[in-house]
Amino acid sequence: MSWQAYVDNNLVGTQKIQKAAIFGLDGTQWAASAGFSVAPQEITALVAAFTDASGIRASGLHISGVKYFTLRADDRSIYGKQGAGGAVCVKTKQAVLVAVYGEPTQPGEATKIVEALADYLISVNY
């Protein structure tokens, strides 16, 4: 399955995720939903936050020009909230999944979808 298919089918295709992308840990974009653009400095800060979250805890998580209040940040998962929506970012062995959701999706629904795909990718050494 292509990286784009993971974004289109496993994330956005669930109808719970509005926009999504997959990046390599070096910041290169592997796939993204139509019209979803994450700036290089945003992905660099995100990847760094999996090691040291102090920056995003202090100034927020920025994805596609939107600032999210950081709810959770550890070495695997970073969750952000903005209004009725939010962002779920999960690191695998070689990639970072970035997903944005909005109403009527609940945070738990979005995190379950993204974390499940991350678990699968980790299981196949990605």
PDB file of N, CA and C in Angstrom:
ATOM      1  N   MET A   1       0.843  -1.181   0.000  1.00  0.00           N
ATOM      2  CA  MET A   1       0.000   0.000   0.000  1.00  0.00           C
ATOM      3  C   MET A   1       0.888   1.243   0.000  1.00  0.00           C
ATOM      4  N   SER A   2       0.531   2.228  -0.770  1.00  0.00           N
ATOM      5  CA  SER A   2       1.330   3.457  -0.826  1.00  0.00           C
ATOM      6  C   SER A   2       1.068   4.316   0.417  1.00  0.00           C
ATOM      7  N   TRP A   3       1.989   5.228   0.670  1.00  0.00           N
ATOM      8  CA  TRP A   3       1.810   6.145   1.800  1.00  0.00           C
ATOM      9  C   TRP A   3       0.559   6.990   1.600  1.00  0.00           C
ATOM     10  N   GLN A   4       0.312   7.391   0.353  1.00  0.00           N
ATOM     11  CA  GLN A   4      -0.881   8.195   0.075  1.00  0.00           C
ATOM     12  C   GLN A   4      -2.151   7.416   0.400  1.00  0.00           C
ATOM     13  N   ALA A   5      -2.146   6.124   0.150  1.00  0.00           N
ATOM     14  CA  ALA A   5      -3.324   5.294   0.458  1.00  0.00           C
ATOM     15  C   ALA A   5      -3.583   5.243   1.959  1.00  0.00           C
ATOM     16  N   TYR A   6      -2.520   5.218   2.758  1.00  0.00           N
ATOM     17  CA  TYR A   6      -2.711   5.253   4.221  1.00  0.00           C
ATOM     18  C   TYR A   6      -3.420   6.547   4.629  1.00  0.00           C
ATOM     19  N   VAL A   7      -2.987   7.655   4.061  1.00  0.00           N
ATOM     20  CA  VAL A   7      -3.626   8.943   4.372  1.00  0.00           C
ATOM     21  C   VAL A   7      -5.080   8.945   3.892  1.00  0.00           C
ATOM     22  N   ASP A   8      -5.283   8.556   2.633  1.00  0.00           N
ATOM     23  CA  ASP A   8      -6.620   8.625   2.032  1.00  0.00           C
ATOM     24  C   ASP A   8      -7.609   7.625   2.627  1.00  0.00           C
ATOM     25  N   ASN A   9      -7.158   6.399   2.899  1.00  0.00           N
ATOM     26  CA  ASN A   9      -8.061   5.343   3.357  1.00  0.00           C
ATOM     27  C   ASN A   9      -8.124   5.194   4.869  1.00  0.00           C
ATOM     28  N   ASN A  10      -6.956   5.147   5.525  1.00  0.00           N
ATOM     29  CA  ASN A  10      -6.913   4.851   6.949  1.00  0.00           C
ATOM     30  C   ASN A  10      -7.101   6.067   7.843  1.00  0.00           C
ATOM     31  N   LEU A  11      -6.883   7.255   7.317  1.00  0.00           N
ATOM     32  CA  LEU A  11      -7.040   8.456   8.134  1.00  0.00           C
ATOM     33  C   LEU A  11      -8.236   9.282   7.643  1.00  0.00           C
ATOM     34  N   VAL A  12      -8.095   9.977   6.539  1.00  0.00           N
ATOM     35  CA  VAL A  12      -9.171  10.832   6.020  1.00  0.00           C
ATOM     36  C   VAL A  12     -10.392  10.002   5.613  1.00  0.00           C
ATOM     37  N   GLY A  13     -10.162   8.802   5.096  1.00  0.00           N
ATOM     38  CA  GLY A  13     -11.245   7.934   4.646  1.00  0.00           C
ATOM     39  C   GLY A  13     -12.187   7.480   5.748  1.00  0.00           C
ATOM     40  N   THR A  14     -11.764   7.634   7.005  1.00  0.00           N
ATOM     41  CA  THR A  14     -12.626   7.246   8.131  1.00  0.00           C
ATOM     42  C   THR A  14     -13.756   8.248   8.355  1.00  0.00           C
ATOM     43  N   GLN A  15     -13.671   9.403   7.718  1.00  0.00           N
ATOM     44  CA  GLN A  15     -14.621  10.510   7.898  1.00  0.00           C
ATOM     45  C   GLN A  15     -14.514  11.158   9.279  1.00  0.00           C
ATOM     46  N   LYS A  16     -13.543  10.754  10.081  1.00  0.00           N
ATOM     47  CA  LYS A  16     -13.323  11.339  11.410  1.00  0.00           C
ATOM     48  C   LYS A  16     -12.146  12.313  11.394  1.00  0.00           C
ATOM     49  N   ILE A  17     -11.255  12.127  10.430  1.00  0.00           N
ATOM     50  CA  ILE A  17     -10.071  12.971  10.274  1.00  0.00           C
ATOM     51  C   ILE A  17     -10.295  13.874   9.066  1.00  0.00           C
ATOM     52  N   GLN A  18     -10.118  15.200   9.248  1.00  0.00           N
ATOM     53  CA  GLN A  18     -10.340  16.139   8.146  1.00  0.00           C
ATOM     54  C   GLN A  18      -9.147  16.223   7.205  1.00  0.00           C
ATOM     55  N   LYS A  19      -7.939  16.300   7.791  1.00  0.00           N
ATOM     56  CA  LYS A  19      -6.712  16.424   7.003  1.00  0.00           C
ATOM     57  C   LYS A  19      -5.632  15.596   7.673  1.00  0.00           C
ATOM     58  N   ALA A  20      -4.738  15.061   6.857  1.00  0.00           N
ATOM     59  CA  ALA A  20      -3.667  14.246   7.433  1.00  0.00           C
ATOM     60  C   ALA A  20      -2.446  14.235   6.526  1.00  0.00           C
ATOM     61  N   ALA A  21      -1.318  13.892   7.130  1.00  0.00           N
ATOM     62  CA  ALA A  21      -0.070  13.764   6.376  1.00  0.00           C
ATOM     63  C   ALA A  21       0.833  12.765   7.093  1.00  0.00           C
ATOM     64  N   ILE A  22       1.763  12.215   6.349  1.00  0.00           N
ATOM     65  CA  ILE A  22       2.790  11.342   6.909  1.00  0.00           C
ATOM     66  C   ILE A  22       4.138  11.931   6.496  1.00  0.00           C
ATOM     67  N   PHE A  23       5.007  12.090   7.490  1.00  0.00           N
ATOM     68  CA  PHE A  23       6.341  12.646   7.262  1.00  0.00           C
ATOM     69  C   PHE A  23       7.381  11.661   7.746  1.00  0.00           C
ATOM     70  N   GLY A  24       8.549  11.681   7.116  1.00  0.00           N
ATOM     71  CA  GLY A  24       9.684  10.940   7.627  1.00  0.00           C
ATOM     72  C   GLY A  24      10.236  11.685   8.836  1.00  0.00           C
ATOM     73  N   LEU A  25      11.006  11.006   9.671  1.00  0.00           N
ATOM     74  CA  LEU A  25      11.570  11.664  10.846  1.00  0.00           C
ATOM     75  C   LEU A  25      12.553  12.769  10.474  1.00  0.00           C
ATOM     76  N   ASP A  26      13.005  12.780   9.206  1.00  0.00           N
ATOM     77  CA  ASP A  26      13.885  13.845   8.728  1.00  0.00           C
ATOM     78  C   ASP A  26      13.097  15.058   8.236  1.00  0.00           C
ATOM     79  N   GLY A  27      11.762  14.996   8.326  1.00  0.00           N
ATOM     80  CA  GLY A  27      10.923  16.119   7.925  1.00  0.00           C
ATOM     81  C   GLY A  27      10.405  16.067   6.500  1.00  0.00           C
ATOM     82  N   THR A  28      10.824  15.077   5.717  1.00  0.00           N
ATOM     83  CA  THR A  28      10.324  14.983   4.339  1.00  0.00           C
ATOM     84  C   THR A  28       8.883  14.475   4.331  1.00  0.00           C
ATOM     85  N   GLN A  29       8.082  15.059   3.472  1.00  0.00           N
ATOM     86  CA  GLN A  29       6.684  14.651   3.367  1.00  0.00           C
ATOM     87  C   GLN A  29       6.581  13.401   2.511  1.00  0.00           C
ATOM     88  N   TRP A  30       5.931  12.368   3.040  1.00  0.00           N
ATOM     89  CA  TRP A  30       5.728  11.125   2.303  1.00  0.00           C
ATOM     90  C   TRP A  30       4.374  11.120   1.625  1.00  0.00           C
ATOM     91  N   ALA A  31       3.379  11.733   2.266  1.00  0.00           N
ATOM     92  CA  ALA A  31       2.022  11.789   1.710  1.00  0.00           C
ATOM     93  C   ALA A  31       1.218  12.820   2.487  1.00  0.00           C
ATOM     94  N   ALA A  32       0.187  13.384   1.835  1.00  0.00           N
ATOM     95  CA  ALA A  32      -0.679  14.352   2.509  1.00  0.00           C
ATOM     96  C   ALA A  32      -2.028  14.408   1.814  1.00  0.00           C
ATOM     97  N   SER A  33      -3.046  14.748   2.584  1.00  0.00           N
ATOM     98  CA  SER A  33      -4.363  14.927   1.984  1.00  0.00           C
ATOM     99  C   SER A  33      -4.358  16.228   1.183  1.00  0.00           C
ATOM    100  N   ALA A  34      -5.266  16.330   0.235  1.00  0.00           N
ATOM    101  CA  ALA A  34      -5.334  17.489  -0.656  1.00  0.00           C
ATOM    102  C   ALA A  34      -5.476  18.785   0.141  1.00  0.00           C
ATOM    103  N   GLY A  35      -4.640  19.751  -0.193  1.00  0.00           N
ATOM    104  CA  GLY A  35      -4.724  21.064   0.436  1.00  0.00           C
ATOM    105  C   GLY A  35      -4.157  21.154   1.839  1.00  0.00           C
ATOM    106  N   PHE A  36      -3.519  20.100   2.311  1.00  0.00           N
ATOM    107  CA  PHE A  36      -2.942  20.116   3.665  1.00  0.00           C
ATOM    108  C   PHE A  36      -1.443  20.306   3.553  1.00  0.00           C
ATOM    109  N   SER A  37      -0.978  21.433   4.032  1.00  0.00           N
ATOM    110  CA  SER A  37       0.437  21.783   3.922  1.00  0.00           C
ATOM    111  C   SER A  37       0.983  22.125   5.305  1.00  0.00           C
ATOM    112  N   VAL A  38       2.022  21.431   5.701  1.00  0.00           N
ATOM    113  CA  VAL A  38       2.689  21.702   6.970  1.00  0.00           C
ATOM    114  C   VAL A  38       4.048  22.304   6.639  1.00  0.00           C
ATOM    115  N   ALA A  39       4.317  23.474   7.176  1.00  0.00           N
ATOM    116  CA  ALA A  39       5.569  24.178   6.884  1.00  0.00           C
ATOM    117  C   ALA A  39       6.765  23.398   7.432  1.00  0.00           C
ATOM    118  N   PRO A  40       7.910  23.482   6.741  1.00  0.00           N
ATOM    119  CA  PRO A  40       9.105  22.755   7.195  1.00  0.00           C
ATOM    120  C   PRO A  40       9.471  23.047   8.653  1.00  0.00           C
ATOM    121  N   GLN A  41       9.361  24.315   9.075  1.00  0.00           N
ATOM    122  CA  GLN A  41       9.711  24.634  10.466  1.00  0.00           C
ATOM    123  C   GLN A  41       8.704  24.039  11.448  1.00  0.00           C
ATOM    124  N   GLU A  42       7.456  23.862  11.016  1.00  0.00           N
ATOM    125  CA  GLU A  42       6.450  23.235  11.886  1.00  0.00           C
ATOM    126  C   GLU A  42       6.753  21.757  12.089  1.00  0.00           C
ATOM    127  N   ILE A  43       7.114  21.055  11.029  1.00  0.00           N
ATOM    128  CA  ILE A  43       7.415  19.624  11.157  1.00  0.00           C
ATOM    129  C   ILE A  43       8.723  19.416  11.909  1.00  0.00           C
ATOM    130  N   THR A  44       9.695  20.308  11.712  1.00  0.00           N
ATOM    131  CA  THR A  44      10.957  20.222  12.449  1.00  0.00           C
ATOM    132  C   THR A  44      10.708  20.374  13.942  1.00  0.00           C
ATOM    133  N   ALA A  45       9.882  21.356  14.314  1.00  0.00           N
ATOM    134  CA  ALA A  45       9.551  21.571  15.727  1.00  0.00           C
ATOM    135  C   ALA A  45       8.768  20.388  16.290  1.00  0.00           C
ATOM    136  N   LEU A  46       7.884  19.830  15.486  1.00  0.00           N
ATOM    137  CA  LEU A  46       7.089  18.680  15.927  1.00  0.00           C
ATOM    138  C   LEU A  46       7.982  17.471  16.191  1.00  0.00           C
ATOM    139  N   VAL A  47       8.855  17.142  15.249  1.00  0.00           N
ATOM    140  CA  VAL A  47       9.752  15.996  15.427  1.00  0.00           C
ATOM    141  C   VAL A  47      10.631  16.207  16.657  1.00  0.00           C
ATOM    142  N   ALA A  48      11.129  17.412  16.859  1.00  0.00           N
ATOM    143  CA  ALA A  48      11.962  17.712  18.028  1.00  0.00           C
ATOM    144  C   ALA A  48      11.175  17.567  19.327  1.00  0.00           C
ATOM    145  N   ALA A  49       9.882  17.864  19.286  1.00  0.00           N
ATOM    146  CA  ALA A  49       9.049  17.811  20.489  1.00  0.00           C
ATOM    147  C   ALA A  49       8.866  16.394  21.020  1.00  0.00           C
ATOM    148  N   PHE A  50       9.070  15.381  20.196  1.00  0.00           N
ATOM    149  CA  PHE A  50       8.980  14.013  20.696  1.00  0.00           C
ATOM    150  C   PHE A  50      10.133  13.702  21.655  1.00  0.00           C
ATOM    151  N   THR A  51      11.223  14.468  21.548  1.00  0.00           N
ATOM    152  CA  THR A  51      12.367  14.316  22.440  1.00  0.00           C
ATOM    153  C   THR A  51      12.313  15.321  23.588  1.00  0.00           C
ATOM    154  N   ASP A  52      11.963  16.566  23.274  1.00  0.00           N
ATOM    155  CA  ASP A  52      11.873  17.631  24.278  1.00  0.00           C
ATOM    156  C   ASP A  52      10.646  18.476  23.979  1.00  0.00           C
ATOM    157  N   ALA A  53       9.612  18.292  24.757  1.00  0.00           N
ATOM    158  CA  ALA A  53       8.330  18.965  24.506  1.00  0.00           C
ATOM    159  C   ALA A  53       8.220  20.343  25.130  1.00  0.00           C
ATOM    160  N   SER A  54       9.260  20.837  25.737  1.00  0.00           N
ATOM    161  CA  SER A  54       9.161  22.122  26.433  1.00  0.00           C
ATOM    162  C   SER A  54       8.748  23.265  25.499  1.00  0.00           C
ATOM    163  N   GLY A  55       9.237  23.245  24.261  1.00  0.00           N
ATOM    164  CA  GLY A  55       8.897  24.313  23.309  1.00  0.00           C
ATOM    165  C   GLY A  55       7.424  24.353  22.961  1.00  0.00           C
ATOM    166  N   ILE A  56       6.819  23.199  22.682  1.00  0.00           N
ATOM    167  CA  ILE A  56       5.397  23.193  22.319  1.00  0.00           C
ATOM    168  C   ILE A  56       4.499  23.325  23.544  1.00  0.00           C
ATOM    169  N   ARG A  57       5.009  22.954  24.710  1.00  0.00           N
ATOM    170  CA  ARG A  57       4.228  23.174  25.937  1.00  0.00           C
ATOM    171  C   ARG A  57       4.137  24.668  26.234  1.00  0.00           C
ATOM    172  N   ALA A  58       5.215  25.390  25.963  1.00  0.00           N
ATOM    173  CA  ALA A  58       5.254  26.825  26.248  1.00  0.00           C
ATOM    174  C   ALA A  58       4.536  27.659  25.192  1.00  0.00           C
ATOM    175  N   SER A  59       4.773  27.345  23.902  1.00  0.00           N
ATOM    176  CA  SER A  59       4.236  28.210  22.853  1.00  0.00           C
ATOM    177  C   SER A  59       3.198  27.554  21.965  1.00  0.00           C
ATOM    178  N   GLY A  60       2.827  26.315  22.263  1.00  0.00           N
ATOM    179  CA  GLY A  60       1.797  25.639  21.482  1.00  0.00           C
ATOM    180  C   GLY A  60       2.370  24.847  20.320  1.00  0.00           C
ATOM    181  N   LEU A  61       1.519  23.984  19.799  1.00  0.00           N
ATOM    182  CA  LEU A  61       1.841  23.156  18.641  1.00  0.00           C
ATOM    183  C   LEU A  61       1.289  23.856  17.401  1.00  0.00           C
ATOM    184  N   HIS A  62       2.131  24.058  16.399  1.00  0.00           N
ATOM    185  CA  HIS A  62       1.698  24.736  15.171  1.00  0.00           C
ATOM    186  C   HIS A  62       1.680  23.741  14.010  1.00  0.00           C
ATOM    187  N   ILE A  63       0.506  23.616  13.393  1.00  0.00           N
ATOM    188  CA  ILE A  63       0.345  22.732  12.241  1.00  0.00           C
ATOM    189  C   ILE A  63      -0.455  23.469  11.184  1.00  0.00           C
ATOM    190  N   SER A  64       0.125  23.587  10.011  1.00  0.00           N
ATOM    191  CA  SER A  64      -0.524  24.246   8.879  1.00  0.00           C
ATOM    192  C   SER A  64      -0.994  25.664   9.244  1.00  0.00           C
ATOM    193  N   GLY A  65      -0.161  26.369   9.985  1.00  0.00           N
ATOM    194  CA  GLY A  65      -0.450  27.754  10.357  1.00  0.00           C
ATOM    195  C   GLY A  65      -1.447  27.922  11.494  1.00  0.00           C
ATOM    196  N   VAL A  66      -1.899  26.833  12.093  1.00  0.00           N
ATOM    197  CA  VAL A  66      -2.866  26.892  13.193  1.00  0.00           C
ATOM    198  C   VAL A  66      -2.156  26.515  14.491  1.00  0.00           C
ATOM    199  N   LYS A  67      -2.411  27.300  15.536  1.00  0.00           N
ATOM    200  CA  LYS A  67      -1.804  27.030  16.836  1.00  0.00           C
ATOM    201  C   LYS A  67      -2.755  26.170  17.658  1.00  0.00           C
ATOM    202  N   TYR A  68      -2.229  25.074  18.204  1.00  0.00           N
ATOM    203  CA  TYR A  68      -2.984  24.160  19.049  1.00  0.00           C
ATOM    204  C   TYR A  68      -2.415  24.187  20.463  1.00  0.00           C
ATOM    205  N   PHE A  69      -3.295  24.160  21.450  1.00  0.00           N
ATOM    206  CA  PHE A  69      -2.896  24.059  22.846  1.00  0.00           C
ATOM    207  C   PHE A  69      -2.451  22.612  23.087  1.00  0.00           C
ATOM    208  N   THR A  70      -1.256  22.428  23.600  1.00  0.00           N
ATOM    209  CA  THR A  70      -0.718  21.083  23.793  1.00  0.00           C
ATOM    210  C   THR A  70      -1.369  20.415  24.997  1.00  0.00           C
ATOM    211  N   LEU A  71      -2.041  19.280  24.747  1.00  0.00           N
ATOM    212  CA  LEU A  71      -2.693  18.517  25.805  1.00  0.00           C
ATOM    213  C   LEU A  71      -1.817  17.379  26.310  1.00  0.00           C
ATOM    214  N   ARG A  72      -1.101  16.758  25.390  1.00  0.00           N
ATOM    215  CA  ARG A  72      -0.241  15.628  25.731  1.00  0.00           C
ATOM    216  C   ARG A  72       0.988  15.687  24.845  1.00  0.00           C
ATOM    217  N   ALA A  73       2.128  15.410  25.429  1.00  0.00           N
ATOM    218  CA  ALA A  73       3.361  15.352  24.649  1.00  0.00           C
ATOM    219  C   ALA A  73       4.330  14.396  25.326  1.00  0.00           C
ATOM    220  N   ASP A  74       4.586  13.273  24.658  1.00  0.00           N
ATOM    221  CA  ASP A  74       5.575  12.331  25.154  1.00  0.00           C
ATOM    222  C   ASP A  74       6.391  11.828  23.962  1.00  0.00           C
ATOM    223  N   ASP A  75       7.177  10.771  24.155  1.00  0.00           N
ATOM    224  CA  ASP A  75       8.072  10.324  23.086  1.00  0.00           C
ATOM    225  C   ASP A  75       7.363   9.579  21.962  1.00  0.00           C
ATOM    226  N   ARG A  76       6.032   9.361  22.079  1.00  0.00           N
ATOM    227  CA  ARG A  76       5.270   8.703  21.027  1.00  0.00           C
ATOM    228  C   ARG A  76       4.151   9.577  20.479  1.00  0.00           C
ATOM    229  N   SER A  77       3.414  10.253  21.352  1.00  0.00           N
ATOM    230  CA  SER A  77       2.197  10.948  20.937  1.00  0.00           C
ATOM    231  C   SER A  77       2.166  12.404  21.403  1.00  0.00           C
ATOM    232  N   ILE A  78       1.656  13.256  20.509  1.00  0.00           N
ATOM    233  CA  ILE A  78       1.436  14.662  20.847  1.00  0.00           C
ATOM    234  C   ILE A  78       0.015  14.997  20.425  1.00  0.00           C
ATOM    235  N   TYR A  79      -0.778  15.484  21.381  1.00  0.00           N
ATOM    236  CA  TYR A  79      -2.161  15.849  21.108  1.00  0.00           C
ATOM    237  C   TYR A  79      -2.331  17.345  21.345  1.00  0.00           C
ATOM    238  N   GLY A  80      -3.056  17.997  20.432  1.00  0.00           N
ATOM    239  CA  GLY A  80      -3.318  19.420  20.571  1.00  0.00           C
ATOM    240  C   GLY A  80      -4.800  19.707  20.417  1.00  0.00           C
ATOM    241  N   LYS A  81      -5.248  20.803  21.008  1.00  0.00           N
ATOM    242  CA  LYS A  81      -6.657  21.199  20.972  1.00  0.00           C
ATOM    243  C   LYS A  81      -6.755  22.623  20.458  1.00  0.00           C
ATOM    244  N   GLN A  82      -7.741  22.855  19.591  1.00  0.00           N
ATOM    245  CA  GLN A  82      -7.980  24.207  19.075  1.00  0.00           C
ATOM    246  C   GLN A  82      -9.475  24.317  18.820  1.00  0.00           C
ATOM    247  N   GLY A  83     -10.191  25.068  19.676  1.00  0.00           N
ATOM    248  CA  GLY A  83     -11.633  25.177  19.529  1.00  0.00           C
ATOM    249  C   GLY A  83     -12.287  23.815  19.701  1.00  0.00           C
ATOM    250  N   ALA A  84     -13.198  23.467  18.799  1.00  0.00           N
ATOM    251  CA  ALA A  84     -13.892  22.178  18.861  1.00  0.00           C
ATOM    252  C   ALA A  84     -13.090  21.057  18.202  1.00  0.00           C
ATOM    253  N   GLY A  85     -11.958  21.388  17.613  1.00  0.00           N
ATOM    254  CA  GLY A  85     -11.142  20.403  16.918  1.00  0.00           C
ATOM    255  C   GLY A  85      -9.809  20.199  17.592  1.00  0.00           C
ATOM    256  N   GLY A  86      -8.937  19.512  16.874  1.00  0.00           N
ATOM    257  CA  GLY A  86      -7.624  19.275  17.440  1.00  0.00           C
ATOM    258  C   GLY A  86      -6.706  18.589  16.461  1.00  0.00           C
ATOM    259  N   ALA A  87      -5.551  18.209  16.981  1.00  0.00           N
ATOM    260  CA  ALA A  87      -4.537  17.535  16.184  1.00  0.00           C
ATOM    261  C   ALA A  87      -3.997  16.345  16.956  1.00  0.00           C
ATOM    262  N   VAL A  88      -3.706  15.282  16.220  1.00  0.00           N
ATOM    263  CA  VAL A  88      -3.109  14.082  16.795  1.00  0.00           C
ATOM    264  C   VAL A  88      -1.855  13.791  15.979  1.00  0.00           C
ATOM    265  N   CYS A  89      -0.727  13.715  16.660  1.00  0.00           N
ATOM    266  CA  CYS A  89       0.544  13.440  15.995  1.00  0.00           C
ATOM    267  C   CYS A  89       1.178  12.249  16.706  1.00  0.00           C
ATOM    268  N   VAL A  90       1.531  11.232  15.932  1.00  0.00           N
ATOM    269  CA  VAL A  90       2.100  10.028  16.520  1.00  0.00           C
ATOM    270  C   VAL A  90       3.371   9.640  15.761  1.00  0.00           C
ATOM    271  N   LYS A  91       4.411   9.337  16.529  1.00  0.00           N
ATOM    272  CA  LYS A  91       5.700   8.953  15.952  1.00  0.00           C
ATOM    273  C   LYS A  91       5.800   7.434  15.907  1.00  0.00           C
ATOM    274  N   THR A  92       6.254   6.934  14.763  1.00  0.00           N
ATOM    275  CA  THR A  92       6.546   5.502  14.634  1.00  0.00           C
ATOM    276  C   THR A  92       8.062   5.361  14.560  1.00  0.00           C
ATOM    277  N   LYS A  93       8.547   4.203  14.146  1.00  0.00           N
ATOM    278  CA  LYS A  93       9.994   3.995  14.057  1.00  0.00           C
ATOM    279  C   LYS A  93      10.650   4.894  13.014  1.00  0.00           C
ATOM    280  N   GLN A  94       9.933   5.159  11.894  1.00  0.00           N
ATOM    281  CA  GLN A  94      10.525   5.920  10.798  1.00  0.00           C
ATOM    282  C   GLN A  94       9.710   7.132  10.355  1.00  0.00           C
ATOM    283  N   ALA A  95       8.523   7.299  10.926  1.00  0.00           N
ATOM    284  CA  ALA A  95       7.618   8.334  10.414  1.00  0.00           C
ATOM    285  C   ALA A  95       6.878   9.054  11.531  1.00  0.00           C
ATOM    286  N   VAL A  96       6.225  10.149  11.136  1.00  0.00           N
ATOM    287  CA  VAL A  96       5.329  10.876  12.027  1.00  0.00           C
ATOM    288  C   VAL A  96       3.995  11.024  11.303  1.00  0.00           C
ATOM    289  N   LEU A  97       2.924  10.577  11.950  1.00  0.00           N
ATOM    290  CA  LEU A  97       1.576  10.746  11.420  1.00  0.00           C
ATOM    291  C   LEU A  97       1.019  12.037  11.998  1.00  0.00           C
ATOM    292  N   VAL A  98       0.476  12.884  11.141  1.00  0.00           N
ATOM    293  CA  VAL A  98      -0.112  14.153  11.572  1.00  0.00           C
ATOM    294  C   VAL A  98      -1.553  14.168  11.085  1.00  0.00           C
ATOM    295  N   ALA A  99      -2.495  14.308  12.016  1.00  0.00           N
ATOM    296  CA  ALA A  99      -3.912  14.307  11.653  1.00  0.00           C
ATOM    297  C   ALA A  99      -4.631  15.449  12.365  1.00  0.00           C
ATOM    298  N   VAL A 100      -5.542  16.082  11.638  1.00  0.00           N
ATOM    299  CA  VAL A 100      -6.339  17.186  12.180  1.00  0.00           C
ATOM    300  C   VAL A 100      -7.809  16.790  12.087  1.00  0.00           C
ATOM    301  N   TYR A 101      -8.546  17.042  13.149  1.00  0.00           N
ATOM    302  CA  TYR A 101      -9.973  16.720  13.176  1.00  0.00           C
ATOM    303  C   TYR A 101     -10.776  17.931  13.651  1.00  0.00           C
ATOM    304  N   GLY A 102     -12.058  17.908  13.385  1.00  0.00           N
ATOM    305  CA  GLY A 102     -12.953  18.984  13.822  1.00  0.00           C
ATOM    306  C   GLY A 102     -14.295  18.392  14.193  1.00  0.00           C
ATOM    307  N   GLU A 103     -15.239  19.269  14.482  1.00  0.00           N
ATOM    308  CA  GLU A 103     -16.584  18.794  14.829  1.00  0.00           C
ATOM    309  C   GLU A 103     -17.160  17.992  13.688  1.00  0.00           C
ATOM    310  N   PRO A 104     -17.914  16.954  13.928  1.00  0.00           N
ATOM    311  CA  PRO A 104     -18.393  16.438  15.220  1.00  0.00           C
ATOM    312  C   PRO A 104     -17.496  15.362  15.825  1.00  0.00           C
ATOM    313  N   THR A 105     -16.309  15.153  15.290  1.00  0.00           N
ATOM    314  CA  THR A 105     -15.409  14.118  15.812  1.00  0.00           C
ATOM    315  C   THR A 105     -14.960  14.460  17.231  1.00  0.00           C
ATOM    316  N   GLN A 106     -15.031  13.470  18.096  1.00  0.00           N
ATOM    317  CA  GLN A 106     -14.552  13.623  19.465  1.00  0.00           C
ATOM    318  C   GLN A 106     -13.057  13.289  19.510  1.00  0.00           C
ATOM    319  N   PRO A 107     -12.312  13.912  20.433  1.00  0.00           N
ATOM    320  CA  PRO A 107     -10.870  13.648  20.505  1.00  0.00           C
ATOM    321  C   PRO A 107     -10.521  12.161  20.608  1.00  0.00           C
ATOM    322  N   GLY A 108     -11.273  11.417  21.396  1.00  0.00           N
ATOM    323  CA  GLY A 108     -11.001   9.986  21.556  1.00  0.00           C
ATOM    324  C   GLY A 108     -11.147   9.201  20.268  1.00  0.00           C
ATOM    325  N   GLU A 109     -12.103   9.599  19.430  1.00  0.00           N
ATOM    326  CA  GLU A 109     -12.287   8.927  18.140  1.00  0.00           C
ATOM    327  C   GLU A 109     -11.070   9.146  17.252  1.00  0.00           C
ATOM    328  N   ALA A 110     -10.611  10.391  17.196  1.00  0.00           N
ATOM    329  CA  ALA A 110      -9.466  10.738  16.350  1.00  0.00           C
ATOM    330  C   ALA A 110      -8.194  10.044  16.837  1.00  0.00           C
ATOM    331  N   THR A 111      -7.954  10.081  18.139  1.00  0.00           N
ATOM    332  CA  THR A 111      -6.731   9.462  18.652  1.00  0.00           C
ATOM    333  C   THR A 111      -6.733   7.958  18.414  1.00  0.00           C
ATOM    334  N   LYS A 112      -7.869   7.308  18.556  1.00  0.00           N
ATOM    335  CA  LYS A 112      -7.949   5.864  18.324  1.00  0.00           C
ATOM    336  C   LYS A 112      -7.554   5.510  16.893  1.00  0.00           C
ATOM    337  N   ILE A 113      -8.020   6.282  15.923  1.00  0.00           N
ATOM    338  CA  ILE A 113      -7.728   6.035  14.509  1.00  0.00           C
ATOM    339  C   ILE A 113      -6.235   6.202  14.214  1.00  0.00           C
ATOM    340  N   VAL A 114      -5.671   7.318  14.666  1.00  0.00           N
ATOM    341  CA  VAL A 114      -4.265   7.615  14.364  1.00  0.00           C
ATOM    342  C   VAL A 114      -3.333   6.663  15.117  1.00  0.00           C
ATOM    343  N   GLU A 115      -3.628   6.413  16.384  1.00  0.00           N
ATOM    344  CA  GLU A 115      -2.791   5.497  17.176  1.00  0.00           C
ATOM    345  C   GLU A 115      -2.840   4.079  16.598  1.00  0.00           C
ATOM    346  N   ALA A 116      -3.999   3.653  16.097  1.00  0.00           N
ATOM    347  CA  ALA A 116      -4.117   2.306  15.516  1.00  0.00           C
ATOM    348  C   ALA A 116      -3.255   2.173  14.264  1.00  0.00           C
ATOM    349  N   LEU A 117      -3.262   3.191  13.404  1.00  0.00           N
ATOM    350  CA  LEU A 117      -2.409   3.149  12.220  1.00  0.00           C
ATOM    351  C   LEU A 117      -0.937   3.152  12.627  1.00  0.00           C
ATOM    352  N   ALA A 118      -0.599   3.952  13.637  1.00  0.00           N
ATOM    353  CA  ALA A 118       0.788   3.973  14.117  1.00  0.00           C
ATOM    354  C   ALA A 118       1.199   2.602  14.645  1.00  0.00           C
ATOM    355  N   ASP A 119       0.317   1.954  15.403  1.00  0.00           N
ATOM    356  CA  ASP A 119       0.621   0.613  15.918  1.00  0.00           C
ATOM    357  C   ASP A 119       0.893  -0.357  14.763  1.00  0.00           C
ATOM    358  N   TYR A 120       0.070  -0.272  13.717  1.00  0.00           N
ATOM    359  CA  TYR A 120       0.269  -1.144  12.563  1.00  0.00           C
ATOM    360  C   TYR A 120       1.615  -0.865  11.894  1.00  0.00           C
ATOM    361  N   LEU A 121       1.919   0.399  11.654  1.00  0.00           N
ATOM    362  CA  LEU A 121       3.183   0.752  10.993  1.00  0.00           C
ATOM    363  C   LEU A 121       4.384   0.300  11.822  1.00  0.00           C
ATOM    364  N   ILE A 122       4.289   0.462  13.133  1.00  0.00           N
ATOM    365  CA  ILE A 122       5.370  -0.005  14.020  1.00  0.00           C
ATOM    366  C   ILE A 122       5.520  -1.518  13.906  1.00  0.00           C
ATOM    367  N   SER A 123       4.404  -2.221  13.816  1.00  0.00           N
ATOM    368  CA  SER A 123       4.441  -3.690  13.737  1.00  0.00           C
ATOM    369  C   SER A 123       5.111  -4.193  12.457  1.00  0.00           C
ATOM    370  N   VAL A 124       5.113  -3.371  11.408  1.00  0.00           N
ATOM    371  CA  VAL A 124       5.789  -3.745  10.158  1.00  0.00           C
ATOM    372  C   VAL A 124       7.097  -2.957   9.971  1.00  0.00           C
ATOM    373  N   ASN A 125       7.648  -2.515  11.095  1.00  0.00           N
ATOM    374  CA  ASN A 125       8.949  -1.835  11.175  1.00  0.00           C
ATOM    375  C   ASN A 125       9.022  -0.478  10.491  1.00  0.00           C
ATOM    376  N   TYR A 126       7.908   0.212  10.392  1.00  0.00           N
ATOM    377  CA  TYR A 126       7.928   1.599   9.969  1.00  0.00           C
ATOM    378  C   TYR A 126       7.603   2.477  11.156  1.00  0.00           C
TER     379      TYR A 126
END
